[in-house]
Amino acid sequence: MTTSSGSHRREPSTTADERDMLDGWLDYHRSTLVWKCEGLGDEQLRHTPLRPSELSLLGLVRHMAEVERYWFREIMLGEDLPELYCTSEDPDGDFHLTDKDTWTEAHRVWQTEVELARQAAGGRSLDLLSQAENHHRGEVFSLRWVYTHMIEEYARHNGHADLLREQIDGATGD
């Protein structure tokens, strides 16, 4: 799949130290999600072609904004933050889109959360333990675990994005 802007994802280093390797893979997967959305209009990005699933590319972007916020800021730093799209009445609100939901807004929110996640993790030891006191699972997580989980989360959802994009316009690519 060639991107409309001609941009390319940066392959992670094969010889980096642990921190640079984790940052490299996380950034690679973040840029993969952008790549899967490039060149599509808002209607296409909201499209849910894999019914009965409510998955859409725009929903995945909104979901990843929630996930970045949750793991890096709420869990690791213990910040008390409101949900971006989800509520107790609609826990999957990140995937429940209206005609008013746009790429411009979702991308802005997501990139803001990515930058805040980078700041939350930056300069901190991978051995840092989570600060959240009221985490629903009641577990403690290392920053290393959060990085690994985030890479897995993006990889899984980028697989969904592959299928969605192919259904939307036939574009394929790893």
N, C-alpha and C. Protein backbone atom coordinates (compact mmCIF):
# COMPACT_ATOMS: atom_id res chain seq x y z
N MET A 1 0.85 -1.16 0.00
CA MET A 1 0.00 0.00 0.00
C MET A 1 0.89 1.22 0.00
N THR A 2 0.74 2.06 -0.97
CA THR A 2 1.49 3.30 -1.03
C THR A 2 0.65 4.39 -0.38
N THR A 3 1.27 5.20 0.44
CA THR A 3 0.53 6.26 1.10
C THR A 3 0.33 7.42 0.14
N SER A 4 -0.77 8.13 0.33
CA SER A 4 -1.09 9.24 -0.56
C SER A 4 -0.10 10.37 -0.42
N SER A 5 0.49 10.53 0.74
CA SER A 5 1.44 11.62 0.94
C SER A 5 2.85 11.21 0.57
N GLY A 6 3.03 9.92 0.25
CA GLY A 6 4.36 9.45 -0.08
C GLY A 6 5.21 9.20 1.16
N SER A 7 4.63 9.35 2.34
CA SER A 7 5.38 9.14 3.58
C SER A 7 5.62 7.65 3.79
N HIS A 8 6.62 7.36 4.58
CA HIS A 8 6.94 5.97 4.87
C HIS A 8 7.12 5.81 6.37
N ARG A 9 6.76 4.67 6.84
CA ARG A 9 7.00 4.36 8.25
C ARG A 9 8.48 4.09 8.44
N ARG A 10 8.96 4.45 9.59
CA ARG A 10 10.37 4.19 9.91
C ARG A 10 10.47 2.84 10.60
N GLU A 11 11.21 1.95 9.99
CA GLU A 11 11.41 0.62 10.56
C GLU A 11 12.19 0.73 11.86
N PRO A 12 11.78 0.00 12.90
CA PRO A 12 12.51 0.02 14.15
C PRO A 12 13.91 -0.57 13.98
N SER A 13 14.84 -0.08 14.76
CA SER A 13 16.20 -0.59 14.73
C SER A 13 16.22 -2.06 15.15
N THR A 14 17.11 -2.79 14.56
CA THR A 14 17.26 -4.21 14.94
C THR A 14 18.36 -4.39 15.99
N THR A 15 19.04 -3.30 16.35
CA THR A 15 20.16 -3.42 17.29
C THR A 15 20.09 -2.41 18.44
N ALA A 16 18.97 -1.72 18.59
CA ALA A 16 18.84 -0.69 19.62
C ALA A 16 18.83 -1.30 21.02
N ASP A 17 19.10 -0.44 22.01
CA ASP A 17 18.94 -0.90 23.39
C ASP A 17 17.45 -1.05 23.68
N GLU A 18 17.14 -1.57 24.84
CA GLU A 18 15.74 -1.92 25.16
C GLU A 18 14.80 -0.73 25.03
N ARG A 19 15.16 0.40 25.60
CA ARG A 19 14.26 1.56 25.59
C ARG A 19 14.04 2.06 24.17
N ASP A 20 15.11 2.20 23.40
CA ASP A 20 14.97 2.66 22.01
C ASP A 20 14.20 1.65 21.17
N MET A 21 14.36 0.37 21.47
CA MET A 21 13.62 -0.67 20.75
C MET A 21 12.12 -0.54 21.03
N LEU A 22 11.76 -0.37 22.30
CA LEU A 22 10.35 -0.23 22.66
C LEU A 22 9.76 1.04 22.06
N ASP A 23 10.48 2.15 22.17
CA ASP A 23 10.01 3.40 21.56
C ASP A 23 9.87 3.25 20.04
N GLY A 24 10.84 2.58 19.42
CA GLY A 24 10.82 2.40 17.97
C GLY A 24 9.63 1.58 17.51
N TRP A 25 9.36 0.47 18.20
CA TRP A 25 8.23 -0.37 17.81
C TRP A 25 6.89 0.31 18.07
N LEU A 26 6.79 1.04 19.18
CA LEU A 26 5.55 1.74 19.47
C LEU A 26 5.29 2.82 18.42
N ASP A 27 6.32 3.59 18.09
CA ASP A 27 6.16 4.62 17.07
C ASP A 27 5.86 4.02 15.69
N TYR A 28 6.46 2.88 15.40
CA TYR A 28 6.19 2.19 14.13
C TYR A 28 4.70 1.84 14.03
N HIS A 29 4.15 1.30 15.10
CA HIS A 29 2.74 0.93 15.07
C HIS A 29 1.82 2.14 15.10
N ARG A 30 2.22 3.19 15.78
CA ARG A 30 1.43 4.43 15.71
C ARG A 30 1.37 4.94 14.28
N SER A 31 2.52 4.95 13.61
CA SER A 31 2.55 5.45 12.23
C SER A 31 1.84 4.51 11.26
N THR A 32 1.78 3.23 11.58
CA THR A 32 1.04 2.28 10.75
C THR A 32 -0.44 2.62 10.76
N LEU A 33 -0.98 2.98 11.91
CA LEU A 33 -2.40 3.33 11.98
C LEU A 33 -2.68 4.60 11.16
N VAL A 34 -1.79 5.56 11.23
CA VAL A 34 -1.94 6.76 10.39
C VAL A 34 -1.94 6.36 8.92
N TRP A 35 -1.00 5.51 8.56
CA TRP A 35 -0.85 5.07 7.17
C TRP A 35 -2.12 4.40 6.67
N LYS A 36 -2.74 3.57 7.51
CA LYS A 36 -3.97 2.87 7.11
C LYS A 36 -5.13 3.84 6.88
N CYS A 37 -5.06 5.03 7.46
CA CYS A 37 -6.13 6.02 7.34
C CYS A 37 -5.88 7.04 6.23
N GLU A 38 -4.65 7.14 5.77
CA GLU A 38 -4.30 8.18 4.80
C GLU A 38 -5.09 8.06 3.51
N GLY A 39 -5.48 9.22 3.00
CA GLY A 39 -6.13 9.30 1.71
C GLY A 39 -7.62 9.02 1.72
N LEU A 40 -8.19 8.77 2.89
CA LEU A 40 -9.61 8.48 2.99
C LEU A 40 -10.35 9.69 3.54
N GLY A 41 -11.60 9.85 3.12
CA GLY A 41 -12.45 10.92 3.64
C GLY A 41 -13.13 10.48 4.92
N ASP A 42 -13.76 11.44 5.58
CA ASP A 42 -14.42 11.16 6.86
C ASP A 42 -15.46 10.05 6.75
N GLU A 43 -16.26 10.06 5.69
CA GLU A 43 -17.28 9.03 5.54
C GLU A 43 -16.64 7.65 5.44
N GLN A 44 -15.56 7.53 4.68
CA GLN A 44 -14.87 6.24 4.57
C GLN A 44 -14.27 5.83 5.91
N LEU A 45 -13.71 6.78 6.64
CA LEU A 45 -13.10 6.48 7.92
C LEU A 45 -14.13 6.07 8.97
N ARG A 46 -15.36 6.53 8.82
CA ARG A 46 -16.44 6.15 9.74
C ARG A 46 -17.11 4.83 9.33
N HIS A 47 -16.87 4.40 8.11
CA HIS A 47 -17.53 3.22 7.56
C HIS A 47 -17.21 1.97 8.40
N THR A 48 -18.23 1.13 8.62
CA THR A 48 -18.08 -0.12 9.38
C THR A 48 -18.42 -1.29 8.45
N PRO A 49 -17.47 -1.67 7.59
CA PRO A 49 -17.75 -2.67 6.56
C PRO A 49 -17.78 -4.12 7.04
N LEU A 50 -17.41 -4.36 8.28
CA LEU A 50 -17.32 -5.74 8.76
C LEU A 50 -18.43 -6.06 9.75
N ARG A 51 -19.67 -5.78 9.36
CA ARG A 51 -20.83 -6.00 10.21
C ARG A 51 -20.93 -7.45 10.62
N PRO A 52 -21.32 -7.76 11.83
CA PRO A 52 -21.96 -6.86 12.78
C PRO A 52 -20.99 -6.04 13.62
N SER A 53 -19.70 -6.18 13.39
CA SER A 53 -18.72 -5.41 14.14
C SER A 53 -18.92 -3.91 13.93
N GLU A 54 -18.68 -3.13 14.97
CA GLU A 54 -18.78 -1.68 14.89
C GLU A 54 -17.43 -1.04 14.60
N LEU A 55 -16.43 -1.86 14.25
CA LEU A 55 -15.09 -1.33 13.99
C LEU A 55 -15.08 -0.43 12.76
N SER A 56 -14.41 0.69 12.92
CA SER A 56 -14.13 1.60 11.81
C SER A 56 -12.73 2.15 12.03
N LEU A 57 -12.13 2.66 10.99
CA LEU A 57 -10.80 3.25 11.14
C LEU A 57 -10.83 4.45 12.09
N LEU A 58 -11.85 5.28 11.96
CA LEU A 58 -11.96 6.44 12.85
C LEU A 58 -12.18 5.99 14.29
N GLY A 59 -12.97 4.95 14.47
CA GLY A 59 -13.17 4.41 15.81
C GLY A 59 -11.88 3.87 16.40
N LEU A 60 -11.05 3.22 15.58
CA LEU A 60 -9.77 2.71 16.06
C LEU A 60 -8.86 3.86 16.51
N VAL A 61 -8.86 4.95 15.77
CA VAL A 61 -8.05 6.12 16.14
C VAL A 61 -8.54 6.68 17.48
N ARG A 62 -9.84 6.81 17.62
CA ARG A 62 -10.40 7.32 18.88
C ARG A 62 -10.09 6.36 20.02
N HIS A 63 -10.21 5.06 19.76
CA HIS A 63 -9.90 4.05 20.77
C HIS A 63 -8.45 4.16 21.22
N MET A 64 -7.54 4.32 20.28
CA MET A 64 -6.13 4.38 20.65
C MET A 64 -5.81 5.67 21.41
N ALA A 65 -6.55 6.73 21.17
CA ALA A 65 -6.39 7.94 21.99
C ALA A 65 -6.76 7.61 23.44
N GLU A 66 -7.87 6.90 23.62
CA GLU A 66 -8.29 6.49 24.97
C GLU A 66 -7.23 5.59 25.62
N VAL A 67 -6.70 4.65 24.84
CA VAL A 67 -5.74 3.68 25.38
C VAL A 67 -4.43 4.37 25.77
N GLU A 68 -3.94 5.25 24.92
CA GLU A 68 -2.71 6.00 25.24
C GLU A 68 -2.91 6.76 26.56
N ARG A 69 -4.01 7.46 26.67
CA ARG A 69 -4.34 8.27 27.85
C ARG A 69 -4.41 7.39 29.10
N TYR A 70 -5.12 6.27 28.96
CA TYR A 70 -5.35 5.38 30.09
C TYR A 70 -4.04 4.79 30.63
N TRP A 71 -3.27 4.15 29.76
CA TRP A 71 -2.11 3.42 30.25
C TRP A 71 -0.97 4.33 30.68
N PHE A 72 -0.65 5.33 29.90
CA PHE A 72 0.51 6.15 30.24
C PHE A 72 0.23 7.19 31.31
N ARG A 73 -0.94 7.78 31.29
CA ARG A 73 -1.21 8.87 32.23
C ARG A 73 -2.03 8.43 33.44
N GLU A 74 -3.11 7.69 33.19
CA GLU A 74 -3.93 7.28 34.33
C GLU A 74 -3.26 6.17 35.14
N ILE A 75 -2.82 5.12 34.48
CA ILE A 75 -2.24 3.98 35.20
C ILE A 75 -0.82 4.29 35.67
N MET A 76 0.05 4.71 34.77
CA MET A 76 1.44 4.92 35.16
C MET A 76 1.63 6.11 36.08
N LEU A 77 1.00 7.23 35.77
CA LEU A 77 1.22 8.44 36.57
C LEU A 77 0.15 8.66 37.64
N GLY A 78 -0.93 7.90 37.59
CA GLY A 78 -1.98 8.03 38.59
C GLY A 78 -2.86 9.27 38.40
N GLU A 79 -2.87 9.83 37.20
CA GLU A 79 -3.70 11.01 36.94
C GLU A 79 -5.17 10.61 36.91
N ASP A 80 -6.01 11.47 37.44
CA ASP A 80 -7.45 11.25 37.44
C ASP A 80 -8.03 12.03 36.26
N LEU A 81 -8.27 11.34 35.16
CA LEU A 81 -8.70 11.98 33.92
C LEU A 81 -10.07 11.47 33.48
N PRO A 82 -10.87 12.34 32.90
CA PRO A 82 -12.15 11.86 32.35
C PRO A 82 -11.90 11.08 31.06
N GLU A 83 -12.86 10.23 30.73
CA GLU A 83 -12.80 9.51 29.46
C GLU A 83 -12.93 10.52 28.32
N LEU A 84 -12.36 10.18 27.19
CA LEU A 84 -12.47 11.05 26.01
C LEU A 84 -13.80 10.83 25.28
N TYR A 85 -14.15 9.58 25.06
CA TYR A 85 -15.33 9.24 24.26
C TYR A 85 -16.27 8.28 24.97
N CYS A 86 -15.77 7.52 25.90
CA CYS A 86 -16.55 6.48 26.56
C CYS A 86 -17.20 7.04 27.83
N THR A 87 -18.31 6.44 28.18
CA THR A 87 -19.00 6.79 29.42
C THR A 87 -19.45 5.49 30.07
N SER A 88 -19.92 5.57 31.30
CA SER A 88 -20.43 4.36 31.94
C SER A 88 -21.67 3.84 31.20
N GLU A 89 -22.45 4.76 30.60
CA GLU A 89 -23.61 4.35 29.81
C GLU A 89 -23.21 3.82 28.44
N ASP A 90 -22.08 4.25 27.93
CA ASP A 90 -21.61 3.83 26.61
C ASP A 90 -20.11 3.53 26.67
N PRO A 91 -19.74 2.37 27.24
CA PRO A 91 -18.33 2.04 27.40
C PRO A 91 -17.57 1.86 26.08
N ASP A 92 -18.28 1.72 24.98
CA ASP A 92 -17.65 1.62 23.66
C ASP A 92 -17.89 2.89 22.84
N GLY A 93 -18.03 4.01 23.52
CA GLY A 93 -18.31 5.28 22.86
C GLY A 93 -17.26 5.70 21.86
N ASP A 94 -16.04 5.20 22.01
CA ASP A 94 -15.00 5.53 21.04
C ASP A 94 -15.34 4.97 19.65
N PHE A 95 -16.14 3.93 19.58
CA PHE A 95 -16.54 3.33 18.31
C PHE A 95 -17.93 3.76 17.83
N HIS A 96 -18.63 4.51 18.64
CA HIS A 96 -19.98 4.96 18.27
C HIS A 96 -19.89 6.36 17.68
N LEU A 97 -19.88 6.40 16.37
CA LEU A 97 -19.61 7.64 15.63
C LEU A 97 -20.88 8.26 15.08
N THR A 98 -20.82 9.55 14.88
CA THR A 98 -21.89 10.28 14.21
C THR A 98 -21.29 10.97 12.99
N ASP A 99 -22.14 11.57 12.19
CA ASP A 99 -21.68 12.31 11.02
C ASP A 99 -20.82 13.51 11.40
N LYS A 100 -20.89 13.93 12.64
CA LYS A 100 -20.11 15.08 13.10
C LYS A 100 -18.68 14.70 13.49
N ASP A 101 -18.40 13.41 13.66
CA ASP A 101 -17.06 12.97 14.03
C ASP A 101 -16.16 12.98 12.80
N THR A 102 -15.02 13.66 12.93
CA THR A 102 -14.13 13.85 11.79
C THR A 102 -12.72 13.34 12.08
N TRP A 103 -12.01 13.08 10.99
CA TRP A 103 -10.60 12.71 11.07
C TRP A 103 -9.80 13.83 11.71
N THR A 104 -10.06 15.05 11.32
CA THR A 104 -9.29 16.18 11.83
C THR A 104 -9.33 16.21 13.35
N GLU A 105 -10.51 16.10 13.91
CA GLU A 105 -10.66 16.15 15.36
C GLU A 105 -10.08 14.90 16.03
N ALA A 106 -10.43 13.72 15.52
CA ALA A 106 -9.94 12.47 16.13
C ALA A 106 -8.42 12.39 16.06
N HIS A 107 -7.85 12.77 14.93
CA HIS A 107 -6.39 12.73 14.77
C HIS A 107 -5.73 13.72 15.72
N ARG A 108 -6.30 14.91 15.87
CA ARG A 108 -5.74 15.92 16.77
C ARG A 108 -5.74 15.40 18.21
N VAL A 109 -6.86 14.83 18.64
CA VAL A 109 -6.96 14.31 20.01
C VAL A 109 -5.97 13.16 20.19
N TRP A 110 -5.92 12.25 19.25
CA TRP A 110 -5.01 11.10 19.34
C TRP A 110 -3.56 11.56 19.41
N GLN A 111 -3.17 12.47 18.52
CA GLN A 111 -1.78 12.93 18.52
C GLN A 111 -1.43 13.69 19.79
N THR A 112 -2.40 14.39 20.35
CA THR A 112 -2.18 15.05 21.64
C THR A 112 -1.92 14.00 22.71
N GLU A 113 -2.72 12.95 22.73
CA GLU A 113 -2.53 11.88 23.71
C GLU A 113 -1.22 11.14 23.50
N VAL A 114 -0.81 10.95 22.25
CA VAL A 114 0.48 10.32 21.97
C VAL A 114 1.60 11.18 22.54
N GLU A 115 1.55 12.47 22.30
CA GLU A 115 2.59 13.36 22.82
C GLU A 115 2.60 13.37 24.34
N LEU A 116 1.43 13.41 24.96
CA LEU A 116 1.37 13.37 26.42
C LEU A 116 1.87 12.03 26.97
N ALA A 117 1.63 10.95 26.24
CA ALA A 117 2.15 9.63 26.63
C ALA A 117 3.68 9.63 26.55
N ARG A 118 4.21 10.22 25.49
CA ARG A 118 5.69 10.31 25.37
C ARG A 118 6.26 11.09 26.54
N GLN A 119 5.61 12.17 26.91
CA GLN A 119 6.08 12.97 28.04
C GLN A 119 5.96 12.18 29.35
N ALA A 120 4.88 11.42 29.50
CA ALA A 120 4.68 10.63 30.71
C ALA A 120 5.76 9.56 30.87
N ALA A 121 6.20 8.99 29.76
CA ALA A 121 7.19 7.91 29.80
C ALA A 121 8.62 8.43 29.71
N GLY A 122 8.80 9.57 29.09
CA GLY A 122 10.13 10.10 28.81
C GLY A 122 11.00 10.25 30.04
N GLY A 123 12.20 9.73 29.95
CA GLY A 123 13.17 9.88 31.02
C GLY A 123 12.90 9.01 32.24
N ARG A 124 11.86 8.24 32.22
CA ARG A 124 11.53 7.40 33.37
C ARG A 124 12.07 5.98 33.15
N SER A 125 12.44 5.35 34.22
CA SER A 125 12.94 3.98 34.17
C SER A 125 11.85 3.03 33.71
N LEU A 126 12.24 2.05 32.93
CA LEU A 126 11.29 1.01 32.52
C LEU A 126 10.82 0.19 33.72
N ASP A 127 11.53 0.28 34.81
CA ASP A 127 11.15 -0.42 36.04
C ASP A 127 10.17 0.36 36.89
N LEU A 128 9.84 1.60 36.49
CA LEU A 128 8.87 2.41 37.23
C LEU A 128 7.57 1.64 37.36
N LEU A 129 6.99 1.68 38.55
CA LEU A 129 5.72 0.98 38.78
C LEU A 129 4.56 1.97 38.73
N SER A 130 3.43 1.46 38.30
CA SER A 130 2.24 2.29 38.12
C SER A 130 1.80 2.93 39.43
N GLN A 131 1.21 4.11 39.29
CA GLN A 131 0.80 4.90 40.44
C GLN A 131 -0.71 4.88 40.69
N ALA A 132 -1.48 4.33 39.76
CA ALA A 132 -2.94 4.33 39.91
C ALA A 132 -3.34 3.56 41.15
N GLU A 133 -4.20 4.17 41.95
CA GLU A 133 -4.65 3.52 43.18
C GLU A 133 -5.96 2.78 43.00
N ASN A 134 -6.76 3.21 42.06
CA ASN A 134 -8.10 2.63 41.89
C ASN A 134 -8.26 1.92 40.55
N HIS A 135 -7.21 1.28 40.12
CA HIS A 135 -7.25 0.56 38.85
C HIS A 135 -8.24 -0.60 38.96
N HIS A 136 -9.04 -0.78 37.93
CA HIS A 136 -10.10 -1.80 37.99
C HIS A 136 -9.59 -3.22 38.19
N ARG A 137 -8.36 -3.50 37.79
CA ARG A 137 -7.82 -4.84 37.98
C ARG A 137 -7.05 -4.95 39.29
N GLY A 138 -6.74 -3.82 39.91
CA GLY A 138 -6.03 -3.83 41.18
C GLY A 138 -4.60 -4.31 41.09
N GLU A 139 -4.01 -4.28 39.91
CA GLU A 139 -2.64 -4.75 39.72
C GLU A 139 -1.68 -3.58 39.58
N VAL A 140 -0.41 -3.87 39.78
CA VAL A 140 0.65 -2.91 39.58
C VAL A 140 1.38 -3.30 38.29
N PHE A 141 1.74 -2.32 37.48
CA PHE A 141 2.38 -2.56 36.19
C PHE A 141 3.69 -1.79 36.10
N SER A 142 4.69 -2.37 35.48
CA SER A 142 5.93 -1.63 35.21
C SER A 142 5.74 -0.86 33.90
N LEU A 143 6.52 0.19 33.73
CA LEU A 143 6.49 0.93 32.47
C LEU A 143 6.88 0.02 31.31
N ARG A 144 7.77 -0.91 31.55
CA ARG A 144 8.16 -1.90 30.52
C ARG A 144 6.93 -2.69 30.07
N TRP A 145 6.12 -3.15 31.02
CA TRP A 145 4.91 -3.90 30.69
C TRP A 145 3.96 -3.04 29.88
N VAL A 146 3.79 -1.77 30.27
CA VAL A 146 2.89 -0.87 29.55
C VAL A 146 3.36 -0.69 28.11
N TYR A 147 4.65 -0.48 27.90
CA TYR A 147 5.16 -0.39 26.54
C TYR A 147 4.83 -1.65 25.74
N THR A 148 5.11 -2.79 26.33
CA THR A 148 4.86 -4.06 25.63
C THR A 148 3.38 -4.23 25.33
N HIS A 149 2.54 -3.90 26.28
CA HIS A 149 1.10 -3.98 26.06
C HIS A 149 0.65 -3.03 24.96
N MET A 150 1.19 -1.81 24.95
CA MET A 150 0.79 -0.83 23.93
C MET A 150 1.21 -1.30 22.53
N ILE A 151 2.38 -1.90 22.41
CA ILE A 151 2.82 -2.44 21.12
C ILE A 151 1.85 -3.54 20.68
N GLU A 152 1.48 -4.41 21.60
CA GLU A 152 0.52 -5.48 21.30
C GLU A 152 -0.83 -4.91 20.92
N GLU A 153 -1.28 -3.89 21.65
CA GLU A 153 -2.58 -3.27 21.38
C GLU A 153 -2.61 -2.67 19.97
N TYR A 154 -1.58 -1.92 19.63
CA TYR A 154 -1.52 -1.34 18.29
C TYR A 154 -1.41 -2.42 17.22
N ALA A 155 -0.58 -3.44 17.46
CA ALA A 155 -0.41 -4.50 16.46
C ALA A 155 -1.74 -5.19 16.17
N ARG A 156 -2.48 -5.49 17.23
CA ARG A 156 -3.79 -6.15 17.06
C ARG A 156 -4.74 -5.26 16.28
N HIS A 157 -4.82 -4.00 16.67
CA HIS A 157 -5.75 -3.09 16.00
C HIS A 157 -5.28 -2.71 14.60
N ASN A 158 -3.99 -2.73 14.36
CA ASN A 158 -3.52 -2.49 13.00
C ASN A 158 -3.90 -3.65 12.08
N GLY A 159 -4.01 -4.85 12.63
CA GLY A 159 -4.55 -5.97 11.85
C GLY A 159 -6.00 -5.71 11.49
N HIS A 160 -6.76 -5.18 12.44
CA HIS A 160 -8.14 -4.80 12.13
C HIS A 160 -8.15 -3.72 11.05
N ALA A 161 -7.25 -2.74 11.18
CA ALA A 161 -7.18 -1.64 10.21
C ALA A 161 -6.86 -2.17 8.81
N ASP A 162 -6.01 -3.20 8.72
CA ASP A 162 -5.71 -3.83 7.42
C ASP A 162 -6.99 -4.32 6.75
N LEU A 163 -7.79 -5.05 7.53
CA LEU A 163 -9.03 -5.62 7.00
C LEU A 163 -10.03 -4.52 6.63
N LEU A 164 -10.16 -3.52 7.49
CA LEU A 164 -11.08 -2.42 7.20
C LEU A 164 -10.68 -1.69 5.94
N ARG A 165 -9.40 -1.36 5.82
CA ARG A 165 -8.94 -0.59 4.65
C ARG A 165 -9.16 -1.40 3.37
N GLU A 166 -8.89 -2.67 3.41
CA GLU A 166 -9.10 -3.48 2.20
C GLU A 166 -10.57 -3.50 1.82
N GLN A 167 -11.46 -3.56 2.79
CA GLN A 167 -12.89 -3.54 2.50
C GLN A 167 -13.36 -2.17 1.98
N ILE A 168 -12.73 -1.12 2.44
CA ILE A 168 -13.14 0.23 2.05
C ILE A 168 -12.74 0.55 0.62
N ASP A 169 -11.47 0.30 0.27
CA ASP A 169 -11.03 0.70 -1.08
C ASP A 169 -10.10 -0.30 -1.77
N GLY A 170 -9.95 -1.49 -1.17
CA GLY A 170 -9.14 -2.51 -1.79
C GLY A 170 -7.64 -2.37 -1.53
N ALA A 171 -7.22 -1.31 -0.84
CA ALA A 171 -5.79 -1.11 -0.58
C ALA A 171 -5.30 -2.14 0.41
N THR A 172 -4.14 -2.70 0.14
CA THR A 172 -3.51 -3.67 1.02
C THR A 172 -2.06 -3.29 1.22
N GLY A 173 -1.45 -3.91 2.18
CA GLY A 173 -0.03 -3.68 2.47
C GLY A 173 0.22 -3.91 3.94
N ASP A 174 1.48 -4.27 4.26
CA ASP A 174 1.78 -4.57 5.66
C ASP A 174 2.06 -3.31 6.38
